[in-house]
Amino acid sequence: MNRVALAITCAALFGLASCGTPAEQCEARVAAEQRNVLRLLQEVEANIARGYAWETTVSGTGFRLCAGGFRGGYGRLGLGYSSCHGGPDTMRKRVPIDPAAEMRKREALQKRLAALSAQGVSQCLARHDAAR
């Protein structure tokens, strides 16, 4: 499959994935929010368990120097190889936390997750059934 056909196929699949009834789109938004809140909750709980948080900093431009080519010759296409070096540097360092603030954050996230789990999808269904 050439690149143009691949790009068209990907665009078509993306277009189909964005389809759906308004209720289904609402449910997908609620599910995405639930996943996000759950991820944040897991991060806060890990920070509390460790006693510190990780801070990630990215430095550099993201420029990559690549060298490569094709093996073969005389118009024949062969296997390619490539070697890339460089790119942004990612550094992680420990950051002290306030345990009381982290526990308040955890409680707020637990309440938000419970509210989304209990009412999120039912509110979507009620809102879109009433609109019909």
N, C-alpha and C. Protein backbone atom coordinates (compact mmCIF):
# COMPACT_ATOMS: atom_id res chain seq x y z
N MET A 1 0.86 -1.16 0.00
CA MET A 1 0.00 0.00 0.00
C MET A 1 0.90 1.23 0.00
N ASN A 2 0.68 2.12 -0.94
CA ASN A 2 1.52 3.30 -0.97
C ASN A 2 1.06 4.33 0.06
N ARG A 3 1.83 5.37 0.24
CA ARG A 3 1.56 6.35 1.30
C ARG A 3 0.27 7.12 1.09
N VAL A 4 -0.06 7.42 -0.13
CA VAL A 4 -1.30 8.16 -0.40
C VAL A 4 -2.50 7.31 -0.02
N ALA A 5 -2.50 6.06 -0.41
CA ALA A 5 -3.61 5.17 -0.07
C ALA A 5 -3.71 4.98 1.44
N LEU A 6 -2.57 4.90 2.10
CA LEU A 6 -2.56 4.77 3.55
C LEU A 6 -3.14 6.01 4.21
N ALA A 7 -2.77 7.19 3.72
CA ALA A 7 -3.29 8.44 4.28
C ALA A 7 -4.80 8.54 4.08
N ILE A 8 -5.29 8.15 2.92
CA ILE A 8 -6.72 8.20 2.64
C ILE A 8 -7.47 7.22 3.54
N THR A 9 -6.91 6.03 3.71
CA THR A 9 -7.53 5.03 4.58
C THR A 9 -7.59 5.52 6.02
N CYS A 10 -6.50 6.11 6.49
CA CYS A 10 -6.48 6.62 7.87
C CYS A 10 -7.49 7.75 8.04
N ALA A 11 -7.59 8.64 7.05
CA ALA A 11 -8.55 9.74 7.14
C ALA A 11 -9.98 9.21 7.15
N ALA A 12 -10.25 8.20 6.34
CA ALA A 12 -11.59 7.62 6.31
C ALA A 12 -11.92 6.95 7.64
N LEU A 13 -10.98 6.22 8.21
CA LEU A 13 -11.22 5.58 9.50
C LEU A 13 -11.41 6.61 10.60
N PHE A 14 -10.65 7.69 10.56
CA PHE A 14 -10.81 8.75 11.54
C PHE A 14 -12.19 9.40 11.41
N GLY A 15 -12.63 9.59 10.18
CA GLY A 15 -13.96 10.15 9.95
C GLY A 15 -15.06 9.25 10.47
N LEU A 16 -14.92 7.94 10.26
CA LEU A 16 -15.92 7.01 10.77
C LEU A 16 -15.90 6.94 12.30
N ALA A 17 -14.71 7.07 12.89
CA ALA A 17 -14.61 7.01 14.34
C ALA A 17 -15.25 8.21 15.00
N SER A 18 -15.29 9.34 14.29
CA SER A 18 -15.89 10.53 14.88
C SER A 18 -17.40 10.55 14.70
N CYS A 19 -17.94 9.59 13.98
CA CYS A 19 -19.38 9.50 13.80
C CYS A 19 -20.01 8.91 15.06
N GLY A 20 -21.27 9.05 15.16
CA GLY A 20 -21.99 8.50 16.29
C GLY A 20 -23.11 9.45 16.66
N THR A 21 -24.06 8.93 17.37
CA THR A 21 -25.16 9.77 17.82
C THR A 21 -24.64 10.74 18.87
N PRO A 22 -25.35 11.81 19.12
CA PRO A 22 -24.92 12.74 20.17
C PRO A 22 -24.81 12.05 21.53
N ALA A 23 -25.68 11.09 21.81
CA ALA A 23 -25.60 10.37 23.09
C ALA A 23 -24.32 9.55 23.16
N GLU A 24 -23.94 8.90 22.05
CA GLU A 24 -22.70 8.12 22.02
C GLU A 24 -21.49 9.02 22.17
N GLN A 25 -21.51 10.19 21.54
CA GLN A 25 -20.41 11.13 21.68
C GLN A 25 -20.30 11.63 23.11
N CYS A 26 -21.43 11.89 23.76
CA CYS A 26 -21.45 12.32 25.15
C CYS A 26 -20.88 11.22 26.05
N GLU A 27 -21.28 9.99 25.82
CA GLU A 27 -20.77 8.86 26.59
C GLU A 27 -19.26 8.72 26.41
N ALA A 28 -18.78 8.94 25.20
CA ALA A 28 -17.34 8.84 24.94
C ALA A 28 -16.59 9.95 25.69
N ARG A 29 -17.15 11.15 25.73
CA ARG A 29 -16.52 12.24 26.48
C ARG A 29 -16.47 11.92 27.97
N VAL A 30 -17.56 11.36 28.52
CA VAL A 30 -17.60 10.99 29.93
C VAL A 30 -16.56 9.91 30.22
N ALA A 31 -16.46 8.92 29.34
CA ALA A 31 -15.48 7.84 29.54
C ALA A 31 -14.06 8.38 29.49
N ALA A 32 -13.79 9.32 28.58
CA ALA A 32 -12.46 9.92 28.49
C ALA A 32 -12.15 10.71 29.76
N GLU A 33 -13.13 11.43 30.28
CA GLU A 33 -12.94 12.18 31.52
C GLU A 33 -12.70 11.24 32.69
N GLN A 34 -13.41 10.11 32.72
CA GLN A 34 -13.19 9.12 33.78
C GLN A 34 -11.76 8.58 33.73
N ARG A 35 -11.28 8.27 32.53
CA ARG A 35 -9.92 7.76 32.39
C ARG A 35 -8.90 8.81 32.85
N ASN A 36 -9.14 10.07 32.50
CA ASN A 36 -8.23 11.14 32.89
C ASN A 36 -8.20 11.31 34.41
N VAL A 37 -9.37 11.33 35.05
CA VAL A 37 -9.44 11.49 36.50
C VAL A 37 -8.81 10.28 37.18
N LEU A 38 -9.03 9.09 36.67
CA LEU A 38 -8.43 7.89 37.25
C LEU A 38 -6.90 7.93 37.16
N ARG A 39 -6.38 8.39 36.03
CA ARG A 39 -4.93 8.51 35.86
C ARG A 39 -4.36 9.51 36.87
N LEU A 40 -5.04 10.66 37.03
CA LEU A 40 -4.58 11.65 38.00
C LEU A 40 -4.64 11.11 39.42
N LEU A 41 -5.69 10.35 39.72
CA LEU A 41 -5.85 9.77 41.06
C LEU A 41 -4.72 8.77 41.34
N GLN A 42 -4.39 7.95 40.36
CA GLN A 42 -3.29 6.99 40.53
C GLN A 42 -1.96 7.70 40.74
N GLU A 43 -1.77 8.81 40.03
CA GLU A 43 -0.53 9.58 40.19
C GLU A 43 -0.44 10.19 41.59
N VAL A 44 -1.54 10.74 42.09
CA VAL A 44 -1.55 11.34 43.44
C VAL A 44 -1.31 10.27 44.49
N GLU A 45 -1.95 9.11 44.34
CA GLU A 45 -1.75 8.03 45.31
C GLU A 45 -0.31 7.53 45.31
N ALA A 46 0.30 7.47 44.14
CA ALA A 46 1.71 7.07 44.05
C ALA A 46 2.60 8.12 44.73
N ASN A 47 2.29 9.39 44.55
CA ASN A 47 3.05 10.45 45.20
C ASN A 47 2.96 10.33 46.72
N ILE A 48 1.76 10.06 47.22
CA ILE A 48 1.57 9.92 48.67
C ILE A 48 2.36 8.71 49.18
N ALA A 49 2.31 7.61 48.45
CA ALA A 49 3.02 6.40 48.87
C ALA A 49 4.54 6.62 48.88
N ARG A 50 5.07 7.34 47.88
CA ARG A 50 6.51 7.59 47.80
C ARG A 50 6.96 8.68 48.76
N GLY A 51 6.11 9.68 48.95
CA GLY A 51 6.49 10.84 49.75
C GLY A 51 7.07 11.96 48.93
N TYR A 52 7.12 11.80 47.64
CA TYR A 52 7.59 12.85 46.73
C TYR A 52 6.95 12.64 45.37
N ALA A 53 7.04 13.68 44.53
CA ALA A 53 6.51 13.60 43.18
C ALA A 53 7.67 13.64 42.19
N TRP A 54 7.41 13.23 40.98
CA TRP A 54 8.39 13.34 39.91
C TRP A 54 8.05 14.56 39.07
N GLU A 55 9.05 15.36 38.75
CA GLU A 55 8.87 16.48 37.84
C GLU A 55 9.70 16.18 36.60
N THR A 56 9.06 16.24 35.46
CA THR A 56 9.74 15.94 34.20
C THR A 56 9.98 17.24 33.45
N THR A 57 11.21 17.45 33.04
CA THR A 57 11.54 18.62 32.23
C THR A 57 12.14 18.13 30.91
N VAL A 58 11.79 18.84 29.85
CA VAL A 58 12.28 18.51 28.52
C VAL A 58 13.15 19.66 28.05
N SER A 59 14.36 19.36 27.65
CA SER A 59 15.25 20.39 27.13
C SER A 59 15.73 19.97 25.76
N GLY A 60 16.10 20.91 24.98
CA GLY A 60 16.58 20.62 23.63
C GLY A 60 15.54 21.02 22.61
N THR A 61 15.92 20.93 21.38
CA THR A 61 15.06 21.40 20.30
C THR A 61 14.23 20.29 19.68
N GLY A 62 14.62 19.07 19.86
CA GLY A 62 13.92 17.98 19.21
C GLY A 62 14.50 17.67 17.84
N PHE A 63 15.59 18.33 17.46
CA PHE A 63 16.25 18.08 16.18
C PHE A 63 16.94 16.73 16.21
N ARG A 64 16.74 15.95 15.18
CA ARG A 64 17.37 14.63 15.09
C ARG A 64 18.23 14.58 13.83
N LEU A 65 19.42 14.10 14.00
CA LEU A 65 20.33 13.93 12.87
C LEU A 65 20.25 12.48 12.42
N CYS A 66 19.84 12.28 11.20
CA CYS A 66 19.66 10.92 10.69
C CYS A 66 20.54 10.69 9.47
N ALA A 67 21.06 9.49 9.38
CA ALA A 67 21.82 9.09 8.20
C ALA A 67 21.30 7.73 7.77
N GLY A 68 21.15 7.54 6.50
CA GLY A 68 20.64 6.27 6.06
C GLY A 68 20.70 6.16 4.55
N GLY A 69 20.23 5.08 4.04
CA GLY A 69 20.24 4.88 2.61
C GLY A 69 19.63 3.55 2.25
N PHE A 70 19.76 3.17 1.01
CA PHE A 70 19.21 1.91 0.55
C PHE A 70 20.35 1.04 0.04
N ARG A 71 20.23 -0.23 0.33
CA ARG A 71 21.18 -1.18 -0.23
C ARG A 71 20.62 -1.67 -1.55
N GLY A 72 21.44 -1.91 -2.44
CA GLY A 72 21.01 -2.32 -3.76
C GLY A 72 21.63 -1.37 -4.77
N GLY A 73 21.31 -1.52 -5.96
CA GLY A 73 21.90 -0.63 -6.95
C GLY A 73 21.32 -0.92 -8.31
N TYR A 74 21.73 -0.14 -9.25
CA TYR A 74 21.30 -0.30 -10.63
C TYR A 74 19.79 -0.30 -10.75
N GLY A 75 19.13 0.60 -9.98
CA GLY A 75 17.68 0.71 -10.08
C GLY A 75 16.93 -0.31 -9.25
N ARG A 76 17.65 -1.18 -8.54
CA ARG A 76 16.95 -2.16 -7.71
C ARG A 76 16.66 -1.53 -6.35
N LEU A 77 15.54 -1.90 -5.79
CA LEU A 77 15.16 -1.43 -4.47
C LEU A 77 15.58 -2.46 -3.45
N GLY A 78 16.28 -2.05 -2.42
CA GLY A 78 16.74 -3.00 -1.43
C GLY A 78 16.22 -2.63 -0.05
N LEU A 79 16.77 -3.29 0.94
CA LEU A 79 16.39 -3.01 2.31
C LEU A 79 17.01 -1.70 2.77
N GLY A 80 16.24 -0.91 3.50
CA GLY A 80 16.76 0.36 3.97
C GLY A 80 17.30 0.25 5.38
N TYR A 81 18.13 1.18 5.75
CA TYR A 81 18.63 1.26 7.10
C TYR A 81 18.71 2.73 7.47
N SER A 82 18.63 3.02 8.73
CA SER A 82 18.69 4.39 9.18
C SER A 82 19.25 4.43 10.58
N SER A 83 19.94 5.49 10.90
CA SER A 83 20.48 5.68 12.24
C SER A 83 20.22 7.12 12.64
N CYS A 84 19.46 7.32 13.70
CA CYS A 84 19.12 8.67 14.14
C CYS A 84 19.73 8.93 15.51
N HIS A 85 20.24 10.11 15.69
CA HIS A 85 20.84 10.51 16.95
C HIS A 85 20.34 11.89 17.33
N GLY A 86 20.24 12.14 18.61
CA GLY A 86 19.84 13.46 19.07
C GLY A 86 18.39 13.48 19.50
N GLY A 87 17.85 14.66 19.58
CA GLY A 87 16.47 14.83 20.01
C GLY A 87 16.43 15.47 21.39
N PRO A 88 15.24 15.72 21.89
CA PRO A 88 15.14 16.39 23.19
C PRO A 88 15.58 15.48 24.33
N ASP A 89 16.14 16.09 25.34
CA ASP A 89 16.55 15.36 26.54
C ASP A 89 15.46 15.49 27.58
N THR A 90 15.09 14.39 28.20
CA THR A 90 14.07 14.39 29.24
C THR A 90 14.74 14.07 30.57
N MET A 91 14.51 14.93 31.54
CA MET A 91 15.10 14.76 32.87
C MET A 91 13.97 14.62 33.88
N ARG A 92 14.14 13.69 34.83
CA ARG A 92 13.18 13.54 35.93
C ARG A 92 13.90 13.85 37.23
N LYS A 93 13.23 14.62 38.08
CA LYS A 93 13.81 14.87 39.39
C LYS A 93 12.72 14.78 40.45
N ARG A 94 13.14 14.48 41.66
CA ARG A 94 12.21 14.36 42.78
C ARG A 94 11.83 15.75 43.27
N VAL A 95 10.55 15.91 43.59
CA VAL A 95 10.04 17.17 44.11
C VAL A 95 9.29 16.86 45.40
N PRO A 96 9.60 17.59 46.48
CA PRO A 96 8.88 17.31 47.73
C PRO A 96 7.41 17.69 47.60
N ILE A 97 6.56 16.97 48.34
CA ILE A 97 5.13 17.23 48.30
C ILE A 97 4.64 17.61 49.69
N ASP A 98 3.48 18.25 49.74
CA ASP A 98 2.79 18.51 50.99
C ASP A 98 1.77 17.38 51.15
N PRO A 99 1.98 16.46 52.09
CA PRO A 99 1.09 15.31 52.20
C PRO A 99 -0.37 15.70 52.44
N ALA A 100 -0.61 16.75 53.21
CA ALA A 100 -1.99 17.17 53.46
C ALA A 100 -2.65 17.66 52.18
N ALA A 101 -1.92 18.43 51.38
CA ALA A 101 -2.47 18.92 50.11
C ALA A 101 -2.72 17.75 49.15
N GLU A 102 -1.82 16.78 49.13
CA GLU A 102 -2.00 15.62 48.26
C GLU A 102 -3.23 14.81 48.68
N MET A 103 -3.46 14.69 49.98
CA MET A 103 -4.62 13.95 50.45
C MET A 103 -5.92 14.69 50.11
N ARG A 104 -5.90 16.02 50.20
CA ARG A 104 -7.08 16.80 49.78
C ARG A 104 -7.32 16.62 48.29
N LYS A 105 -6.23 16.61 47.53
CA LYS A 105 -6.34 16.40 46.08
C LYS A 105 -6.92 15.02 45.79
N ARG A 106 -6.46 14.01 46.54
CA ARG A 106 -6.97 12.65 46.34
C ARG A 106 -8.45 12.57 46.64
N GLU A 107 -8.89 13.20 47.74
CA GLU A 107 -10.32 13.19 48.09
C GLU A 107 -11.16 13.86 47.02
N ALA A 108 -10.68 14.99 46.49
CA ALA A 108 -11.42 15.69 45.44
C ALA A 108 -11.51 14.84 44.17
N LEU A 109 -10.43 14.17 43.82
CA LEU A 109 -10.45 13.32 42.63
C LEU A 109 -11.35 12.10 42.83
N GLN A 110 -11.36 11.54 44.04
CA GLN A 110 -12.25 10.41 44.32
C GLN A 110 -13.71 10.84 44.22
N LYS A 111 -14.04 12.02 44.71
CA LYS A 111 -15.42 12.53 44.60
C LYS A 111 -15.79 12.76 43.14
N ARG A 112 -14.86 13.32 42.37
CA ARG A 112 -15.13 13.58 40.95
C ARG A 112 -15.33 12.26 40.20
N LEU A 113 -14.51 11.27 40.49
CA LEU A 113 -14.65 9.97 39.83
C LEU A 113 -15.96 9.30 40.20
N ALA A 114 -16.36 9.39 41.48
CA ALA A 114 -17.63 8.80 41.91
C ALA A 114 -18.80 9.51 41.22
N ALA A 115 -18.73 10.83 41.10
CA ALA A 115 -19.80 11.57 40.44
C ALA A 115 -19.89 11.20 38.96
N LEU A 116 -18.75 11.08 38.31
CA LEU A 116 -18.76 10.70 36.90
C LEU A 116 -19.29 9.28 36.72
N SER A 117 -18.91 8.39 37.61
CA SER A 117 -19.35 6.99 37.49
C SER A 117 -20.85 6.86 37.75
N ALA A 118 -21.36 7.62 38.71
CA ALA A 118 -22.77 7.48 39.09
C ALA A 118 -23.70 8.22 38.14
N GLN A 119 -23.31 9.40 37.69
CA GLN A 119 -24.25 10.24 36.98
C GLN A 119 -23.87 10.55 35.54
N GLY A 120 -22.62 10.38 35.17
CA GLY A 120 -22.14 10.82 33.87
C GLY A 120 -22.92 10.27 32.70
N VAL A 121 -22.97 8.95 32.57
CA VAL A 121 -23.64 8.33 31.43
C VAL A 121 -25.15 8.51 31.51
N SER A 122 -25.72 8.42 32.72
CA SER A 122 -27.16 8.59 32.86
C SER A 122 -27.58 10.01 32.50
N GLN A 123 -26.75 11.01 32.81
CA GLN A 123 -27.06 12.38 32.41
C GLN A 123 -27.02 12.53 30.89
N CYS A 124 -26.07 11.87 30.25
CA CYS A 124 -26.01 11.92 28.79
C CYS A 124 -27.27 11.33 28.18
N LEU A 125 -27.66 10.16 28.69
CA LEU A 125 -28.85 9.50 28.15
C LEU A 125 -30.10 10.35 28.39
N ALA A 126 -30.23 10.91 29.60
CA ALA A 126 -31.40 11.73 29.92
C ALA A 126 -31.43 12.99 29.07
N ARG A 127 -30.30 13.64 28.89
CA ARG A 127 -30.23 14.88 28.12
C ARG A 127 -30.61 14.64 26.67
N HIS A 128 -30.11 13.54 26.10
CA HIS A 128 -30.35 13.30 24.68
C HIS A 128 -31.69 12.62 24.42
N ASP A 129 -32.23 11.92 25.40
CA ASP A 129 -33.59 11.37 25.25
C ASP A 129 -34.61 12.48 25.35
N ALA A 130 -34.35 13.50 26.18
CA ALA A 130 -35.27 14.63 26.32
C ALA A 130 -35.25 15.50 25.07
N ALA A 131 -34.14 15.52 24.36
CA ALA A 131 -34.02 16.35 23.15
C ALA A 131 -34.77 15.75 21.98
N ARG A 132 -35.14 14.50 22.05
CA ARG A 132 -35.84 13.85 20.94
C ARG A 132 -37.27 14.23 20.86
